[in-house]
Amino acid sequence: GPGDDAALVAASDGRFLVTTDVLVE
């Protein structure tokens, strides 16, 4: 988790979805 240069997250079947969004004041 947090605290290093990057996180390591398991992907059970070798794939994962990615999406991003921004909220601006």
PDB file of all heavy atoms in Angstrom:
ATOM      1  N   GLY A   1       0.795  -1.209   0.000  1.00  0.00           N
ATOM      2  CA  GLY A   1       0.000   0.000   0.000  1.00  0.00           C
ATOM      3  C   GLY A   1       0.833   1.268   0.000  1.00  0.00           C
ATOM      4  O   GLY A   1       1.987   1.272  -0.439  1.00  0.00           O
ATOM      5  N   PRO A   2       0.279   2.372   0.525  1.00  0.00           N
ATOM      6  CA  PRO A   2       0.971   3.653   0.526  1.00  0.00           C
ATOM      7  C   PRO A   2       2.291   3.597   1.293  1.00  0.00           C
ATOM      8  O   PRO A   2       2.444   2.821   2.239  1.00  0.00           O
ATOM      9  CB  PRO A   2      -0.023   4.585   1.236  1.00  0.00           C
ATOM     10  CG  PRO A   2      -1.349   3.941   1.076  1.00  0.00           C
ATOM     11  CD  PRO A   2      -1.078   2.470   1.098  1.00  0.00           C
ATOM     12  N   GLY A   3       3.256   4.427   0.871  1.00  0.00           N
ATOM     13  CA  GLY A   3       4.505   4.536   1.603  1.00  0.00           C
ATOM     14  C   GLY A   3       5.741   4.276   0.770  1.00  0.00           C
ATOM     15  O   GLY A   3       6.852   4.632   1.159  1.00  0.00           O
ATOM     16  N   ASP A   4       5.553   3.647  -0.413  1.00  0.00           N
ATOM     17  CA  ASP A   4       6.706   3.403  -1.279  1.00  0.00           C
ATOM     18  C   ASP A   4       6.519   4.208  -2.566  1.00  0.00           C
ATOM     19  O   ASP A   4       5.628   5.048  -2.678  1.00  0.00           O
ATOM     20  CB  ASP A   4       6.846   1.907  -1.581  1.00  0.00           C
ATOM     21  CG  ASP A   4       8.302   1.463  -1.619  1.00  0.00           C
ATOM     22  OD1 ASP A   4       9.065   2.084  -2.383  1.00  0.00           O
ATOM     23  OD2 ASP A   4       8.664   0.520  -0.894  1.00  0.00           O
ATOM     24  N   ASP A   5       7.378   3.958  -3.571  1.00  0.00           N
ATOM     25  CA  ASP A   5       7.285   4.707  -4.825  1.00  0.00           C
ATOM     26  C   ASP A   5       6.037   4.352  -5.625  1.00  0.00           C
ATOM     27  O   ASP A   5       5.578   5.134  -6.456  1.00  0.00           O
ATOM     28  CB  ASP A   5       8.537   4.458  -5.682  1.00  0.00           C
ATOM     29  CG  ASP A   5       9.778   5.066  -5.045  1.00  0.00           C
ATOM     30  OD1 ASP A   5       9.687   6.196  -4.553  1.00  0.00           O
ATOM     31  OD2 ASP A   5      10.825   4.400  -5.033  1.00  0.00           O
ATOM     32  N   ALA A   6       5.505   3.158  -5.407  1.00  0.00           N
ATOM     33  CA  ALA A   6       4.289   2.721  -6.085  1.00  0.00           C
ATOM     34  C   ALA A   6       3.622   1.650  -5.241  1.00  0.00           C
ATOM     35  O   ALA A   6       4.254   1.044  -4.378  1.00  0.00           O
ATOM     36  CB  ALA A   6       4.612   2.164  -7.477  1.00  0.00           C
ATOM     37  N   ALA A   7       2.334   1.441  -5.499  1.00  0.00           N
ATOM     38  CA  ALA A   7       1.599   0.381  -4.809  1.00  0.00           C
ATOM     39  C   ALA A   7       1.650  -0.888  -5.661  1.00  0.00           C
ATOM     40  O   ALA A   7       1.888  -0.839  -6.869  1.00  0.00           O
ATOM     41  CB  ALA A   7       0.154   0.802  -4.581  1.00  0.00           C
ATOM     42  N   LEU A   8       1.404  -2.031  -5.034  1.00  0.00           N
ATOM     43  CA  LEU A   8       1.348  -3.318  -5.724  1.00  0.00           C
ATOM     44  C   LEU A   8      -0.015  -3.924  -5.456  1.00  0.00           C
ATOM     45  O   LEU A   8      -0.362  -4.225  -4.314  1.00  0.00           O
ATOM     46  CB  LEU A   8       2.461  -4.240  -5.227  1.00  0.00           C
ATOM     47  CG  LEU A   8       2.586  -5.607  -5.913  1.00  0.00           C
ATOM     48  CD1 LEU A   8       2.907  -5.436  -7.397  1.00  0.00           C
ATOM     49  CD2 LEU A   8       3.648  -6.453  -5.231  1.00  0.00           C
ATOM     50  N   VAL A   9      -0.791  -4.105  -6.532  1.00  0.00           N
ATOM     51  CA  VAL A   9      -2.162  -4.584  -6.414  1.00  0.00           C
ATOM     52  C   VAL A   9      -2.314  -5.863  -7.223  1.00  0.00           C
ATOM     53  O   VAL A   9      -1.865  -5.940  -8.374  1.00  0.00           O
ATOM     54  CB  VAL A   9      -3.161  -3.517  -6.922  1.00  0.00           C
ATOM     55  CG1 VAL A   9      -4.597  -4.016  -6.762  1.00  0.00           C
ATOM     56  CG2 VAL A   9      -2.962  -2.201  -6.175  1.00  0.00           C
ATOM     57  N   ALA A  10      -2.948  -6.870  -6.640  1.00  0.00           N
ATOM     58  CA  ALA A  10      -3.141  -8.149  -7.321  1.00  0.00           C
ATOM     59  C   ALA A  10      -4.170  -8.020  -8.438  1.00  0.00           C
ATOM     60  O   ALA A  10      -5.162  -7.310  -8.307  1.00  0.00           O
ATOM     61  CB  ALA A  10      -3.591  -9.209  -6.322  1.00  0.00           C
ATOM     62  N   ALA A  11      -3.907  -8.699  -9.562  1.00  0.00           N
ATOM     63  CA  ALA A  11      -4.865  -8.807 -10.667  1.00  0.00           C
ATOM     64  C   ALA A  11      -5.058 -10.299 -10.909  1.00  0.00           C
ATOM     65  O   ALA A  11      -4.194 -10.961 -11.491  1.00  0.00           O
ATOM     66  CB  ALA A  11      -4.345  -8.109 -11.913  1.00  0.00           C
ATOM     67  N   SER A  12      -6.170 -10.842 -10.448  1.00  0.00           N
ATOM     68  CA  SER A  12      -6.342 -12.295 -10.361  1.00  0.00           C
ATOM     69  C   SER A  12      -6.210 -13.016 -11.696  1.00  0.00           C
ATOM     70  O   SER A  12      -5.747 -14.150 -11.752  1.00  0.00           O
ATOM     71  CB  SER A  12      -7.691 -12.628  -9.718  1.00  0.00           C
ATOM     72  OG  SER A  12      -8.751 -12.100 -10.494  1.00  0.00           O
ATOM     73  N   ASP A  13      -6.617 -12.376 -12.802  1.00  0.00           N
ATOM     74  CA  ASP A  13      -6.514 -13.058 -14.093  1.00  0.00           C
ATOM     75  C   ASP A  13      -5.550 -12.339 -15.042  1.00  0.00           C
ATOM     76  O   ASP A  13      -5.605 -12.529 -16.258  1.00  0.00           O
ATOM     77  CB  ASP A  13      -7.894 -13.229 -14.734  1.00  0.00           C
ATOM     78  CG  ASP A  13      -8.532 -11.895 -15.109  1.00  0.00           C
ATOM     79  OD1 ASP A  13      -7.954 -10.846 -14.760  1.00  0.00           O
ATOM     80  OD2 ASP A  13      -9.582 -11.893 -15.767  1.00  0.00           O
ATOM     81  N   GLY A  14      -4.663 -11.516 -14.469  1.00  0.00           N
ATOM     82  CA  GLY A  14      -3.651 -10.862 -15.285  1.00  0.00           C
ATOM     83  C   GLY A  14      -4.120  -9.620 -16.006  1.00  0.00           C
ATOM     84  O   GLY A  14      -3.373  -9.036 -16.795  1.00  0.00           O
ATOM     85  N   ARG A  15      -5.352  -9.185 -15.772  1.00  0.00           N
ATOM     86  CA  ARG A  15      -5.887  -7.984 -16.408  1.00  0.00           C
ATOM     87  C   ARG A  15      -6.546  -7.115 -15.348  1.00  0.00           C
ATOM     88  O   ARG A  15      -6.972  -7.618 -14.305  1.00  0.00           O
ATOM     89  CB  ARG A  15      -6.951  -8.332 -17.452  1.00  0.00           C
ATOM     90  CG  ARG A  15      -6.532  -9.327 -18.503  1.00  0.00           C
ATOM     91  CD  ARG A  15      -7.752  -9.737 -19.328  1.00  0.00           C
ATOM     92  NE  ARG A  15      -8.803 -10.277 -18.458  1.00  0.00           N
ATOM     93  CZ  ARG A  15     -10.093 -10.340 -18.787  1.00  0.00           C
ATOM     94  NH1 ARG A  15     -10.509  -9.890 -19.945  1.00  0.00           N
ATOM     95  NH2 ARG A  15     -10.971 -10.857 -17.953  1.00  0.00           N
ATOM     96  N   PHE A  16      -6.651  -5.827 -15.625  1.00  0.00           N
ATOM     97  CA  PHE A  16      -7.464  -4.973 -14.763  1.00  0.00           C
ATOM     98  C   PHE A  16      -7.962  -3.781 -15.566  1.00  0.00           C
ATOM     99  O   PHE A  16      -7.357  -3.384 -16.571  1.00  0.00           O
ATOM    100  CB  PHE A  16      -6.683  -4.512 -13.526  1.00  0.00           C
ATOM    101  CG  PHE A  16      -5.437  -3.721 -13.813  1.00  0.00           C
ATOM    102  CD1 PHE A  16      -5.478  -2.334 -13.868  1.00  0.00           C
ATOM    103  CD2 PHE A  16      -4.230  -4.361 -14.014  1.00  0.00           C
ATOM    104  CE1 PHE A  16      -4.335  -1.608 -14.129  1.00  0.00           C
ATOM    105  CE2 PHE A  16      -3.074  -3.643 -14.273  1.00  0.00           C
ATOM    106  CZ  PHE A  16      -3.124  -2.251 -14.336  1.00  0.00           C
ATOM    107  N   LEU A  17      -9.077  -3.242 -15.145  1.00  0.00           N
ATOM    108  CA  LEU A  17      -9.660  -2.057 -15.770  1.00  0.00           C
ATOM    109  C   LEU A  17      -9.096  -0.806 -15.107  1.00  0.00           C
ATOM    110  O   LEU A  17      -8.795  -0.812 -13.915  1.00  0.00           O
ATOM    111  CB  LEU A  17     -11.183  -2.064 -15.603  1.00  0.00           C
ATOM    112  CG  LEU A  17     -11.943  -3.191 -16.296  1.00  0.00           C
ATOM    113  CD1 LEU A  17     -13.388  -3.219 -15.813  1.00  0.00           C
ATOM    114  CD2 LEU A  17     -11.910  -3.007 -17.813  1.00  0.00           C
ATOM    115  N   VAL A  18      -8.975   0.275 -15.866  1.00  0.00           N
ATOM    116  CA  VAL A  18      -8.505   1.555 -15.335  1.00  0.00           C
ATOM    117  C   VAL A  18      -9.416   2.664 -15.837  1.00  0.00           C
ATOM    118  O   VAL A  18      -9.768   2.705 -17.023  1.00  0.00           O
ATOM    119  CB  VAL A  18      -7.059   1.858 -15.784  1.00  0.00           C
ATOM    120  CG1 VAL A  18      -6.597   3.185 -15.193  1.00  0.00           C
ATOM    121  CG2 VAL A  18      -6.113   0.751 -15.377  1.00  0.00           C
ATOM    122  N   THR A  19      -9.818   3.561 -14.937  1.00  0.00           N
ATOM    123  CA  THR A  19     -10.597   4.726 -15.323  1.00  0.00           C
ATOM    124  C   THR A  19     -10.161   5.909 -14.475  1.00  0.00           C
ATOM    125  O   THR A  19      -9.653   5.725 -13.367  1.00  0.00           O
ATOM    126  CB  THR A  19     -12.116   4.483 -15.145  1.00  0.00           C
ATOM    127  OG1 THR A  19     -12.849   5.607 -15.666  1.00  0.00           O
ATOM    128  CG2 THR A  19     -12.489   4.281 -13.683  1.00  0.00           C
ATOM    129  N   THR A  20     -10.322   7.110 -14.992  1.00  0.00           N
ATOM    130  CA  THR A  20      -9.917   8.298 -14.227  1.00  0.00           C
ATOM    131  C   THR A  20     -10.886   9.442 -14.471  1.00  0.00           C
ATOM    132  O   THR A  20     -11.534   9.509 -15.520  1.00  0.00           O
ATOM    133  CB  THR A  20      -8.477   8.719 -14.605  1.00  0.00           C
ATOM    134  OG1 THR A  20      -8.009   9.703 -13.682  1.00  0.00           O
ATOM    135  CG2 THR A  20      -8.406   9.289 -16.015  1.00  0.00           C
ATOM    136  N   ASP A  21     -10.993  10.306 -13.486  1.00  0.00           N
ATOM    137  CA  ASP A  21     -11.891  11.449 -13.565  1.00  0.00           C
ATOM    138  C   ASP A  21     -11.343  12.557 -12.670  1.00  0.00           C
ATOM    139  O   ASP A  21     -10.610  12.282 -11.718  1.00  0.00           O
ATOM    140  CB  ASP A  21     -13.303  11.066 -13.107  1.00  0.00           C
ATOM    141  CG  ASP A  21     -14.377  11.801 -13.896  1.00  0.00           C
ATOM    142  OD1 ASP A  21     -14.075  12.896 -14.420  1.00  0.00           O
ATOM    143  OD2 ASP A  21     -15.506  11.298 -13.972  1.00  0.00           O
ATOM    144  N   VAL A  22     -11.698  13.790 -12.962  1.00  0.00           N
ATOM    145  CA  VAL A  22     -11.189  14.940 -12.213  1.00  0.00           C
ATOM    146  C   VAL A  22     -12.352  15.811 -11.757  1.00  0.00           C
ATOM    147  O   VAL A  22     -13.309  16.039 -12.506  1.00  0.00           O
ATOM    148  CB  VAL A  22     -10.227  15.782 -13.080  1.00  0.00           C
ATOM    149  CG1 VAL A  22      -9.725  16.994 -12.298  1.00  0.00           C
ATOM    150  CG2 VAL A  22      -9.054  14.951 -13.544  1.00  0.00           C
ATOM    151  N   LEU A  23     -12.260  16.292 -10.521  1.00  0.00           N
ATOM    152  CA  LEU A  23     -13.192  17.288  -9.990  1.00  0.00           C
ATOM    153  C   LEU A  23     -12.402  18.570  -9.741  1.00  0.00           C
ATOM    154  O   LEU A  23     -11.439  18.570  -8.980  1.00  0.00           O
ATOM    155  CB  LEU A  23     -13.819  16.808  -8.682  1.00  0.00           C
ATOM    156  CG  LEU A  23     -14.833  15.675  -8.764  1.00  0.00           C
ATOM    157  CD1 LEU A  23     -15.157  15.156  -7.370  1.00  0.00           C
ATOM    158  CD2 LEU A  23     -16.100  16.137  -9.462  1.00  0.00           C
ATOM    159  N   VAL A  24     -12.807  19.664 -10.370  1.00  0.00           N
ATOM    160  CA  VAL A  24     -12.116  20.942 -10.242  1.00  0.00           C
ATOM    161  C   VAL A  24     -13.030  21.949  -9.552  1.00  0.00           C
ATOM    162  O   VAL A  24     -14.192  22.120  -9.947  1.00  0.00           O
ATOM    163  CB  VAL A  24     -11.680  21.481 -11.623  1.00  0.00           C
ATOM    164  CG1 VAL A  24     -10.997  22.835 -11.483  1.00  0.00           C
ATOM    165  CG2 VAL A  24     -10.752  20.482 -12.313  1.00  0.00           C
ATOM    166  N   GLU A  25     -12.502  22.613  -8.538  1.00  0.00           N
ATOM    167  CA  GLU A  25     -13.254  23.622  -7.793  1.00  0.00           C
ATOM    168  C   GLU A  25     -13.761  24.711  -8.739  1.00  0.00           C
ATOM    169  O   GLU A  25     -13.027  25.220  -9.580  1.00  0.00           O
ATOM    170  CB  GLU A  25     -12.359  24.250  -6.728  1.00  0.00           C
ATOM    171  CG  GLU A  25     -13.024  25.341  -5.908  1.00  0.00           C
ATOM    172  CD  GLU A  25     -12.083  25.979  -4.902  1.00  0.00           C
ATOM    173  OE1 GLU A  25     -10.911  25.560  -4.824  1.00  0.00           O
ATOM    174  OE2 GLU A  25     -12.532  26.907  -4.202  1.00  0.00           O
TER     175      GLU A  25
END
